[in-house]
Amino acid sequence: MNWSPDWGLRARMLLTVGLLAGLYAVFIGVLLTVNAGLLTIILVMGLFMLGQLFFSDRLALYSMGARAVSEE
């Protein structure tokens, strides 16, 4: 089977990663503006990353209006 690259998917993934990086940069900038310490910035960004990791599937389903169903 010959798989051809999906350039549209790659572009959307690159856009998503870029927007997330920009969002994280804004949050770090805000924390630096309020004179938060380095440990506080690392802790807050770590919590954001964990939240993104654990809740990304639910956020994607919610944004599309879908819901998880059981086999019943």
C-alpha atoms as a PDB file:
ATOM      1  CA  MET A   1       0.000   0.000   0.000  1.00  0.00           C
ATOM      2  CA  ASN A   2       1.347   3.383  -0.977  1.00  0.00           C
ATOM      3  CA  TRP A   3       0.667   6.175   1.509  1.00  0.00           C
ATOM      4  CA  SER A   4       0.771   9.723   0.212  1.00  0.00           C
ATOM      5  CA  PRO A   5       1.485  12.615   2.593  1.00  0.00           C
ATOM      6  CA  ASP A   6      -1.454  14.705   3.767  1.00  0.00           C
ATOM      7  CA  TRP A   7      -0.125  18.257   3.550  1.00  0.00           C
ATOM      8  CA  GLY A   8      -3.382  19.760   4.813  1.00  0.00           C
ATOM      9  CA  LEU A   9      -3.156  17.724   8.009  1.00  0.00           C
ATOM     10  CA  ARG A  10       0.467  18.719   8.464  1.00  0.00           C
ATOM     11  CA  ALA A  11      -0.431  22.386   8.013  1.00  0.00           C
ATOM     12  CA  ARG A  12      -3.274  22.181  10.550  1.00  0.00           C
ATOM     13  CA  MET A  13      -1.031  20.416  13.067  1.00  0.00           C
ATOM     14  CA  LEU A  14       1.682  23.048  12.589  1.00  0.00           C
ATOM     15  CA  LEU A  15      -0.880  25.822  13.055  1.00  0.00           C
ATOM     16  CA  THR A  16      -2.178  24.200  16.253  1.00  0.00           C
ATOM     17  CA  VAL A  17       1.307  23.778  17.701  1.00  0.00           C
ATOM     18  CA  GLY A  18       2.159  27.372  16.784  1.00  0.00           C
ATOM     19  CA  LEU A  19      -0.996  28.739  18.406  1.00  0.00           C
ATOM     20  CA  LEU A  20      -0.380  26.721  21.561  1.00  0.00           C
ATOM     21  CA  ALA A  21       3.216  27.991  21.714  1.00  0.00           C
ATOM     22  CA  GLY A  22       1.910  31.541  21.339  1.00  0.00           C
ATOM     23  CA  LEU A  23      -0.631  31.004  24.102  1.00  0.00           C
ATOM     24  CA  TYR A  24       2.031  29.638  26.431  1.00  0.00           C
ATOM     25  CA  ALA A  25       4.282  32.607  25.573  1.00  0.00           C
ATOM     26  CA  VAL A  26       1.466  35.012  26.481  1.00  0.00           C
ATOM     27  CA  PHE A  27       0.912  33.284  29.830  1.00  0.00           C
ATOM     28  CA  ILE A  28       4.633  33.342  30.581  1.00  0.00           C
ATOM     29  CA  GLY A  29       4.723  37.020  29.639  1.00  0.00           C
ATOM     30  CA  VAL A  30       1.852  37.774  32.008  1.00  0.00           C
ATOM     31  CA  LEU A  31       3.557  35.862  34.819  1.00  0.00           C
ATOM     32  CA  LEU A  32       6.794  37.749  34.170  1.00  0.00           C
ATOM     33  CA  THR A  33       4.882  41.047  34.184  1.00  0.00           C
ATOM     34  CA  VAL A  34       3.476  40.369  37.662  1.00  0.00           C
ATOM     35  CA  ASN A  35       7.003  39.457  38.849  1.00  0.00           C
ATOM     36  CA  ALA A  36       6.279  35.779  39.490  1.00  0.00           C
ATOM     37  CA  GLY A  37       9.323  33.718  40.350  1.00  0.00           C
ATOM     38  CA  LEU A  38      10.851  31.111  38.089  1.00  0.00           C
ATOM     39  CA  LEU A  39       9.504  28.261  40.213  1.00  0.00           C
ATOM     40  CA  THR A  40       5.975  29.703  40.016  1.00  0.00           C
ATOM     41  CA  ILE A  41       6.202  30.014  36.237  1.00  0.00           C
ATOM     42  CA  ILE A  42       7.437  26.432  35.886  1.00  0.00           C
ATOM     43  CA  LEU A  43       4.683  25.173  38.198  1.00  0.00           C
ATOM     44  CA  VAL A  44       1.889  27.047  36.407  1.00  0.00           C
ATOM     45  CA  MET A  45       3.088  26.018  32.944  1.00  0.00           C
ATOM     46  CA  GLY A  46       3.486  22.415  34.124  1.00  0.00           C
ATOM     47  CA  LEU A  47      -0.089  22.415  35.403  1.00  0.00           C
ATOM     48  CA  PHE A  48      -1.303  23.852  32.094  1.00  0.00           C
ATOM     49  CA  MET A  49       0.562  21.126  30.196  1.00  0.00           C
ATOM     50  CA  LEU A  50      -0.869  18.383  32.412  1.00  0.00           C
ATOM     51  CA  GLY A  51      -4.358  19.820  31.994  1.00  0.00           C
ATOM     52  CA  GLN A  52      -3.888  19.896  28.238  1.00  0.00           C
ATOM     53  CA  LEU A  53      -2.680  16.290  28.264  1.00  0.00           C
ATOM     54  CA  PHE A  54      -5.510  14.891  30.398  1.00  0.00           C
ATOM     55  CA  PHE A  55      -8.440  16.969  29.102  1.00  0.00           C
ATOM     56  CA  SER A  56      -7.621  17.323  25.382  1.00  0.00           C
ATOM     57  CA  ASP A  57      -9.888  14.450  24.324  1.00  0.00           C
ATOM     58  CA  ARG A  58     -12.862  15.819  26.253  1.00  0.00           C
ATOM     59  CA  LEU A  59     -12.276  19.335  24.930  1.00  0.00           C
ATOM     60  CA  ALA A  60     -12.135  18.053  21.349  1.00  0.00           C
ATOM     61  CA  LEU A  61     -15.381  16.104  21.774  1.00  0.00           C
ATOM     62  CA  TYR A  62     -17.093  19.073  23.428  1.00  0.00           C
ATOM     63  CA  SER A  63     -15.971  21.505  20.721  1.00  0.00           C
ATOM     64  CA  MET A  64     -17.569  19.297  18.043  1.00  0.00           C
ATOM     65  CA  GLY A  65     -20.796  18.782  19.995  1.00  0.00           C
ATOM     66  CA  ALA A  66     -20.087  15.060  20.366  1.00  0.00           C
ATOM     67  CA  ARG A  67     -20.393  12.950  23.474  1.00  0.00           C
ATOM     68  CA  ALA A  68     -18.951   9.644  24.629  1.00  0.00           C
ATOM     69  CA  VAL A  69     -21.363   6.711  24.539  1.00  0.00           C
ATOM     70  CA  SER A  70     -21.208   3.193  25.890  1.00  0.00           C
ATOM     71  CA  GLU A  71     -21.883  -0.003  23.976  1.00  0.00           C
ATOM     72  CA  GLU A  72     -25.373  -0.105  25.449  1.00  0.00           C
END
